[in-house]
PDB file of all heavy atoms in Angstrom:
ATOM      1  N   ASN A   1       0.805  -1.223   0.000  1.00  0.00           N
ATOM      2  CA  ASN A   1       0.000   0.000   0.000  1.00  0.00           C
ATOM      3  C   ASN A   1       0.845   1.284   0.000  1.00  0.00           C
ATOM      4  O   ASN A   1       0.334   2.370   0.306  1.00  0.00           O
ATOM      5  CB  ASN A   1      -0.961   0.026   1.197  1.00  0.00           C
ATOM      6  CG  ASN A   1      -1.909  -1.155   1.209  1.00  0.00           C
ATOM      7  OD1 ASN A   1      -1.631  -2.155   1.861  1.00  0.00           O
ATOM      8  ND2 ASN A   1      -3.006  -1.050   0.478  1.00  0.00           N
ATOM      9  N   ALA A   2       2.125   1.182  -0.321  1.00  0.00           N
ATOM     10  CA  ALA A   2       2.981   2.374  -0.364  1.00  0.00           C
ATOM     11  C   ALA A   2       2.655   3.213  -1.598  1.00  0.00           C
ATOM     12  O   ALA A   2       2.235   2.689  -2.635  1.00  0.00           O
ATOM     13  CB  ALA A   2       4.445   1.970  -0.385  1.00  0.00           C
ATOM     14  N   ASN A   3       2.845   4.505  -1.475  1.00  0.00           N
ATOM     15  CA  ASN A   3       2.626   5.420  -2.602  1.00  0.00           C
ATOM     16  C   ASN A   3       3.972   5.831  -3.171  1.00  0.00           C
ATOM     17  O   ASN A   3       4.703   6.634  -2.577  1.00  0.00           O
ATOM     18  CB  ASN A   3       1.849   6.648  -2.137  1.00  0.00           C
ATOM     19  CG  ASN A   3       1.393   7.511  -3.312  1.00  0.00           C
ATOM     20  OD1 ASN A   3       1.899   7.387  -4.422  1.00  0.00           O
ATOM     21  ND2 ASN A   3       0.438   8.380  -3.076  1.00  0.00           N
ATOM     22  N   LEU A   4       4.317   5.270  -4.326  1.00  0.00           N
ATOM     23  CA  LEU A   4       5.602   5.534  -4.982  1.00  0.00           C
ATOM     24  C   LEU A   4       5.406   6.241  -6.321  1.00  0.00           C
ATOM     25  O   LEU A   4       6.186   6.077  -7.255  1.00  0.00           O
ATOM     26  CB  LEU A   4       6.357   4.217  -5.190  1.00  0.00           C
ATOM     27  CG  LEU A   4       6.943   3.585  -3.922  1.00  0.00           C
ATOM     28  CD1 LEU A   4       6.821   2.078  -3.948  1.00  0.00           C
ATOM     29  CD2 LEU A   4       8.396   3.991  -3.758  1.00  0.00           C
ATOM     30  N   LYS A   5       4.386   7.028  -6.416  1.00  0.00           N
ATOM     31  CA  LYS A   5       4.117   7.749  -7.659  1.00  0.00           C
ATOM     32  C   LYS A   5       5.309   8.642  -8.011  1.00  0.00           C
ATOM     33  O   LYS A   5       5.841   9.360  -7.169  1.00  0.00           O
ATOM     34  CB  LYS A   5       2.859   8.607  -7.509  1.00  0.00           C
ATOM     35  CG  LYS A   5       2.473   9.332  -8.784  1.00  0.00           C
ATOM     36  CD  LYS A   5       1.215  10.169  -8.592  1.00  0.00           C
ATOM     37  CE  LYS A   5       0.882  10.939  -9.876  1.00  0.00           C
ATOM     38  NZ  LYS A   5      -0.297  11.808  -9.702  1.00  0.00           N
ATOM     39  N   ASP A   6       5.741   8.556  -9.280  1.00  0.00           N
ATOM     40  CA  ASP A   6       6.858   9.357  -9.805  1.00  0.00           C
ATOM     41  C   ASP A   6       8.188   9.057  -9.121  1.00  0.00           C
ATOM     42  O   ASP A   6       9.145   9.820  -9.252  1.00  0.00           O
ATOM     43  CB  ASP A   6       6.558  10.859  -9.695  1.00  0.00           C
ATOM     44  CG  ASP A   6       5.425  11.304 -10.596  1.00  0.00           C
ATOM     45  OD1 ASP A   6       5.516  11.065 -11.804  1.00  0.00           O
ATOM     46  OD2 ASP A   6       4.458  11.883 -10.085  1.00  0.00           O
ATOM     47  N   ALA A   7       8.274   7.966  -8.363  1.00  0.00           N
ATOM     48  CA  ALA A   7       9.515   7.638  -7.665  1.00  0.00           C
ATOM     49  C   ALA A   7      10.577   7.117  -8.637  1.00  0.00           C
ATOM     50  O   ALA A   7      10.262   6.541  -9.678  1.00  0.00           O
ATOM     51  CB  ALA A   7       9.256   6.594  -6.587  1.00  0.00           C
ATOM     52  N   LEU A   8      11.835   7.338  -8.261  1.00  0.00           N
ATOM     53  CA  LEU A   8      12.965   6.827  -9.033  1.00  0.00           C
ATOM     54  C   LEU A   8      13.466   5.555  -8.370  1.00  0.00           C
ATOM     55  O   LEU A   8      13.893   5.577  -7.211  1.00  0.00           O
ATOM     56  CB  LEU A   8      14.094   7.850  -9.089  1.00  0.00           C
ATOM     57  CG  LEU A   8      13.918   9.067  -9.993  1.00  0.00           C
ATOM     58  CD1 LEU A   8      15.096  10.009  -9.832  1.00  0.00           C
ATOM     59  CD2 LEU A   8      13.791   8.649 -11.450  1.00  0.00           C
ATOM     60  N   LEU A   9      13.410   4.432  -9.111  1.00  0.00           N
ATOM     61  CA  LEU A   9      13.877   3.145  -8.602  1.00  0.00           C
ATOM     62  C   LEU A   9      14.835   2.514  -9.606  1.00  0.00           C
ATOM     63  O   LEU A   9      14.866   1.297  -9.784  1.00  0.00           O
ATOM     64  CB  LEU A   9      12.678   2.230  -8.333  1.00  0.00           C
ATOM     65  CG  LEU A   9      11.810   2.637  -7.127  1.00  0.00           C
ATOM     66  CD1 LEU A   9      10.339   2.418  -7.404  1.00  0.00           C
ATOM     67  CD2 LEU A   9      12.227   1.863  -5.884  1.00  0.00           C
ATOM     68  N   ILE A  10      15.618   3.339 -10.251  1.00  0.00           N
ATOM     69  CA  ILE A  10      16.552   2.872 -11.278  1.00  0.00           C
ATOM     70  C   ILE A  10      17.555   1.892 -10.669  1.00  0.00           C
ATOM     71  O   ILE A  10      18.220   2.195  -9.675  1.00  0.00           O
ATOM     72  CB  ILE A  10      17.293   4.058 -11.923  1.00  0.00           C
ATOM     73  CG1 ILE A  10      16.290   4.988 -12.616  1.00  0.00           C
ATOM     74  CG2 ILE A  10      18.348   3.567 -12.910  1.00  0.00           C
ATOM     75  CD1 ILE A  10      16.880   6.309 -13.051  1.00  0.00           C
ATOM     76  N   GLU A  11      17.609   0.691 -11.241  1.00  0.00           N
ATOM     77  CA  GLU A  11      18.513  -0.379 -10.793  1.00  0.00           C
ATOM     78  C   GLU A  11      18.335  -0.735  -9.315  1.00  0.00           C
ATOM     79  O   GLU A  11      19.249  -1.251  -8.671  1.00  0.00           O
ATOM     80  CB  GLU A  11      19.976  -0.025 -11.100  1.00  0.00           C
ATOM     81  CG  GLU A  11      20.265   0.040 -12.599  1.00  0.00           C
ATOM     82  CD  GLU A  11      21.740   0.110 -12.927  1.00  0.00           C
ATOM     83  OE1 GLU A  11      22.529  -0.572 -12.254  1.00  0.00           O
ATOM     84  OE2 GLU A  11      22.092   0.854 -13.858  1.00  0.00           O
ATOM     85  N   ALA A  12      17.167  -0.428  -8.759  1.00  0.00           N
ATOM     86  CA  ALA A  12      16.891  -0.816  -7.373  1.00  0.00           C
ATOM     87  C   ALA A  12      16.744  -2.320  -7.277  1.00  0.00           C
ATOM     88  O   ALA A  12      16.269  -2.976  -8.205  1.00  0.00           O
ATOM     89  CB  ALA A  12      15.627  -0.120  -6.876  1.00  0.00           C
ATOM     90  N   SER A  13      17.159  -2.877  -6.134  1.00  0.00           N
ATOM     91  CA  SER A  13      17.033  -4.320  -5.912  1.00  0.00           C
ATOM     92  C   SER A  13      15.829  -4.566  -5.021  1.00  0.00           C
ATOM     93  O   SER A  13      15.826  -4.232  -3.841  1.00  0.00           O
ATOM     94  CB  SER A  13      18.298  -4.864  -5.254  1.00  0.00           C
ATOM     95  OG  SER A  13      18.180  -6.259  -5.067  1.00  0.00           O
ATOM     96  N   LEU A  14      14.783  -5.143  -5.619  1.00  0.00           N
ATOM     97  CA  LEU A  14      13.523  -5.406  -4.915  1.00  0.00           C
ATOM     98  C   LEU A  14      13.187  -6.894  -4.948  1.00  0.00           C
ATOM     99  O   LEU A  14      12.034  -7.291  -4.983  1.00  0.00           O
ATOM    100  CB  LEU A  14      12.399  -4.589  -5.551  1.00  0.00           C
ATOM    101  CG  LEU A  14      12.465  -3.078  -5.311  1.00  0.00           C
ATOM    102  CD1 LEU A  14      11.985  -2.301  -6.528  1.00  0.00           C
ATOM    103  CD2 LEU A  14      11.639  -2.688  -4.097  1.00  0.00           C
ATOM    104  N   ILE A  15      14.216  -7.720  -4.920  1.00  0.00           N
ATOM    105  CA  ILE A  15      14.034  -9.169  -4.969  1.00  0.00           C
ATOM    106  C   ILE A  15      13.180  -9.612  -3.778  1.00  0.00           C
ATOM    107  O   ILE A  15      13.472  -9.270  -2.627  1.00  0.00           O
ATOM    108  CB  ILE A  15      15.395  -9.895  -4.953  1.00  0.00           C
ATOM    109  CG1 ILE A  15      16.224  -9.514  -6.183  1.00  0.00           C
ATOM    110  CG2 ILE A  15      15.203 -11.411  -4.882  1.00  0.00           C
ATOM    111  CD1 ILE A  15      17.672  -9.969  -6.125  1.00  0.00           C
ATOM    112  N   GLN A  16      12.091 -10.322  -4.064  1.00  0.00           N
ATOM    113  CA  GLN A  16      11.164 -10.859  -3.071  1.00  0.00           C
ATOM    114  C   GLN A  16      10.491  -9.763  -2.229  1.00  0.00           C
ATOM    115  O   GLN A  16       9.901 -10.046  -1.187  1.00  0.00           O
ATOM    116  CB  GLN A  16      11.876 -11.853  -2.138  1.00  0.00           C
ATOM    117  CG  GLN A  16      12.337 -13.117  -2.858  1.00  0.00           C
ATOM    118  CD  GLN A  16      12.927 -14.148  -1.916  1.00  0.00           C
ATOM    119  OE1 GLN A  16      13.636 -13.813  -0.982  1.00  0.00           O
ATOM    120  NE2 GLN A  16      12.635 -15.408  -2.186  1.00  0.00           N
ATOM    121  N   ALA A  17      10.569  -8.522  -2.652  1.00  0.00           N
ATOM    122  CA  ALA A  17       9.910  -7.443  -1.909  1.00  0.00           C
ATOM    123  C   ALA A  17       8.390  -7.572  -2.028  1.00  0.00           C
ATOM    124  O   ALA A  17       7.863  -8.101  -3.005  1.00  0.00           O
ATOM    125  CB  ALA A  17      10.360  -6.087  -2.431  1.00  0.00           C
ATOM    126  N   ASP A  18       7.688  -7.092  -1.019  1.00  0.00           N
ATOM    127  CA  ASP A  18       6.228  -7.151  -0.994  1.00  0.00           C
ATOM    128  C   ASP A  18       5.681  -5.752  -1.280  1.00  0.00           C
ATOM    129  O   ASP A  18       5.727  -4.867  -0.428  1.00  0.00           O
ATOM    130  CB  ASP A  18       5.750  -7.643   0.376  1.00  0.00           C
ATOM    131  CG  ASP A  18       4.248  -7.948   0.383  1.00  0.00           C
ATOM    132  OD1 ASP A  18       3.560  -7.564  -0.588  1.00  0.00           O
ATOM    133  OD2 ASP A  18       3.780  -8.563   1.363  1.00  0.00           O
ATOM    134  N   LEU A  19       5.166  -5.561  -2.517  1.00  0.00           N
ATOM    135  CA  LEU A  19       4.611  -4.275  -2.925  1.00  0.00           C
ATOM    136  C   LEU A  19       3.126  -4.371  -3.240  1.00  0.00           C
ATOM    137  O   LEU A  19       2.581  -3.545  -3.986  1.00  0.00           O
ATOM    138  CB  LEU A  19       5.367  -3.739  -4.148  1.00  0.00           C
ATOM    139  CG  LEU A  19       6.784  -3.236  -3.903  1.00  0.00           C
ATOM    140  CD1 LEU A  19       7.778  -4.067  -4.686  1.00  0.00           C
ATOM    141  CD2 LEU A  19       6.920  -1.778  -4.268  1.00  0.00           C
ATOM    142  N   ARG A  20       2.458  -5.335  -2.687  1.00  0.00           N
ATOM    143  CA  ARG A  20       1.053  -5.549  -3.012  1.00  0.00           C
ATOM    144  C   ARG A  20       0.224  -4.282  -2.789  1.00  0.00           C
ATOM    145  O   ARG A  20       0.362  -3.621  -1.774  1.00  0.00           O
ATOM    146  CB  ARG A  20       0.488  -6.709  -2.188  1.00  0.00           C
ATOM    147  CG  ARG A  20       0.915  -8.079  -2.701  1.00  0.00           C
ATOM    148  CD  ARG A  20       0.425  -9.194  -1.796  1.00  0.00           C
ATOM    149  NE  ARG A  20       1.161  -9.246  -0.526  1.00  0.00           N
ATOM    150  CZ  ARG A  20       0.908 -10.116   0.450  1.00  0.00           C
ATOM    151  NH1 ARG A  20      -0.078 -10.997   0.301  1.00  0.00           N
ATOM    152  NH2 ARG A  20       1.612 -10.112   1.555  1.00  0.00           N
ATOM    153  N   GLN A  21      -0.590  -3.978  -3.811  1.00  0.00           N
ATOM    154  CA  GLN A  21      -1.523  -2.850  -3.801  1.00  0.00           C
ATOM    155  C   GLN A  21      -0.828  -1.488  -3.677  1.00  0.00           C
ATOM    156  O   GLN A  21      -1.428  -0.498  -3.276  1.00  0.00           O
ATOM    157  CB  GLN A  21      -2.558  -3.015  -2.675  1.00  0.00           C
ATOM    158  CG  GLN A  21      -3.410  -4.268  -2.843  1.00  0.00           C
ATOM    159  CD  GLN A  21      -4.453  -4.436  -1.762  1.00  0.00           C
ATOM    160  OE1 GLN A  21      -4.435  -3.756  -0.756  1.00  0.00           O
ATOM    161  NE2 GLN A  21      -5.395  -5.349  -1.996  1.00  0.00           N
ATOM    162  N   SER A  22       0.446  -1.444  -4.038  1.00  0.00           N
ATOM    163  CA  SER A  22       1.168  -0.168  -4.018  1.00  0.00           C
ATOM    164  C   SER A  22       0.901   0.633  -5.280  1.00  0.00           C
ATOM    165  O   SER A  22       0.456   0.107  -6.303  1.00  0.00           O
ATOM    166  CB  SER A  22       2.673  -0.405  -3.873  1.00  0.00           C
ATOM    167  OG  SER A  22       2.967  -0.934  -2.614  1.00  0.00           O
ATOM    168  N   ILE A  23       1.208   1.916  -5.207  1.00  0.00           N
ATOM    169  CA  ILE A  23       1.026   2.820  -6.347  1.00  0.00           C
ATOM    170  C   ILE A  23       2.402   3.176  -6.906  1.00  0.00           C
ATOM    171  O   ILE A  23       3.236   3.758  -6.214  1.00  0.00           O
ATOM    172  CB  ILE A  23       0.273   4.097  -5.929  1.00  0.00           C
ATOM    173  CG1 ILE A  23      -1.130   3.755  -5.414  1.00  0.00           C
ATOM    174  CG2 ILE A  23       0.192   5.081  -7.100  1.00  0.00           C
ATOM    175  CD1 ILE A  23      -1.835   4.923  -4.755  1.00  0.00           C
ATOM    176  N   LEU A  24       2.640   2.791  -8.161  1.00  0.00           N
ATOM    177  CA  LEU A  24       3.904   3.096  -8.843  1.00  0.00           C
ATOM    178  C   LEU A  24       3.621   3.815 -10.164  1.00  0.00           C
ATOM    179  O   LEU A  24       4.340   3.648 -11.148  1.00  0.00           O
ATOM    180  CB  LEU A  24       4.692   1.810  -9.075  1.00  0.00           C
ATOM    181  CG  LEU A  24       5.408   1.269  -7.821  1.00  0.00           C
ATOM    182  CD1 LEU A  24       5.468  -0.241  -7.822  1.00  0.00           C
ATOM    183  CD2 LEU A  24       6.809   1.855  -7.710  1.00  0.00           C
ATOM    184  N   VAL A  25       2.593   4.631 -10.162  1.00  0.00           N
ATOM    185  CA  VAL A  25       2.214   5.384 -11.362  1.00  0.00           C
ATOM    186  C   VAL A  25       3.377   6.282 -11.791  1.00  0.00           C
ATOM    187  O   VAL A  25       3.929   7.035 -10.990  1.00  0.00           O
ATOM    188  CB  VAL A  25       0.954   6.232 -11.097  1.00  0.00           C
ATOM    189  CG1 VAL A  25       0.641   7.127 -12.294  1.00  0.00           C
ATOM    190  CG2 VAL A  25      -0.236   5.339 -10.767  1.00  0.00           C
ATOM    191  N   LYS A  26       3.771   6.158 -13.045  1.00  0.00           N
ATOM    192  CA  LYS A  26       4.843   6.958 -13.651  1.00  0.00           C
ATOM    193  C   LYS A  26       6.193   6.798 -12.946  1.00  0.00           C
ATOM    194  O   LYS A  26       7.084   7.637 -13.080  1.00  0.00           O
ATOM    195  CB  LYS A  26       4.451   8.433 -13.725  1.00  0.00           C
ATOM    196  CG  LYS A  26       3.277   8.697 -14.672  1.00  0.00           C
ATOM    197  CD  LYS A  26       3.130  10.167 -15.018  1.00  0.00           C
ATOM    198  CE  LYS A  26       2.630  10.977 -13.874  1.00  0.00           C
ATOM    199  NZ  LYS A  26       2.359  12.384 -14.247  1.00  0.00           N
ATOM    200  N   ALA A  27       6.350   5.734 -12.176  1.00  0.00           N
ATOM    201  CA  ALA A  27       7.631   5.476 -11.514  1.00  0.00           C
ATOM    202  C   ALA A  27       8.654   4.982 -12.534  1.00  0.00           C
ATOM    203  O   ALA A  27       8.301   4.359 -13.533  1.00  0.00           O
ATOM    204  CB  ALA A  27       7.456   4.441 -10.414  1.00  0.00           C
ATOM    205  N   ASN A  28       9.919   5.272 -12.258  1.00  0.00           N
ATOM    206  CA  ASN A  28      10.998   4.833 -13.142  1.00  0.00           C
ATOM    207  C   ASN A  28      11.716   3.654 -12.503  1.00  0.00           C
ATOM    208  O   ASN A  28      12.461   3.805 -11.540  1.00  0.00           O
ATOM    209  CB  ASN A  28      11.980   5.987 -13.391  1.00  0.00           C
ATOM    210  CG  ASN A  28      12.996   5.652 -14.470  1.00  0.00           C
ATOM    211  OD1 ASN A  28      13.187   4.489 -14.830  1.00  0.00           O
ATOM    212  ND2 ASN A  28      13.658   6.662 -14.998  1.00  0.00           N
TER     213      ASN A  28
END
């Protein structure tokens, strides 16, 4: 349920991360 709209996640490591129902609109 995190709000990551417009967030920069370039080359981020999210292996096995739990992002269920999160907002990543226009995120990179």
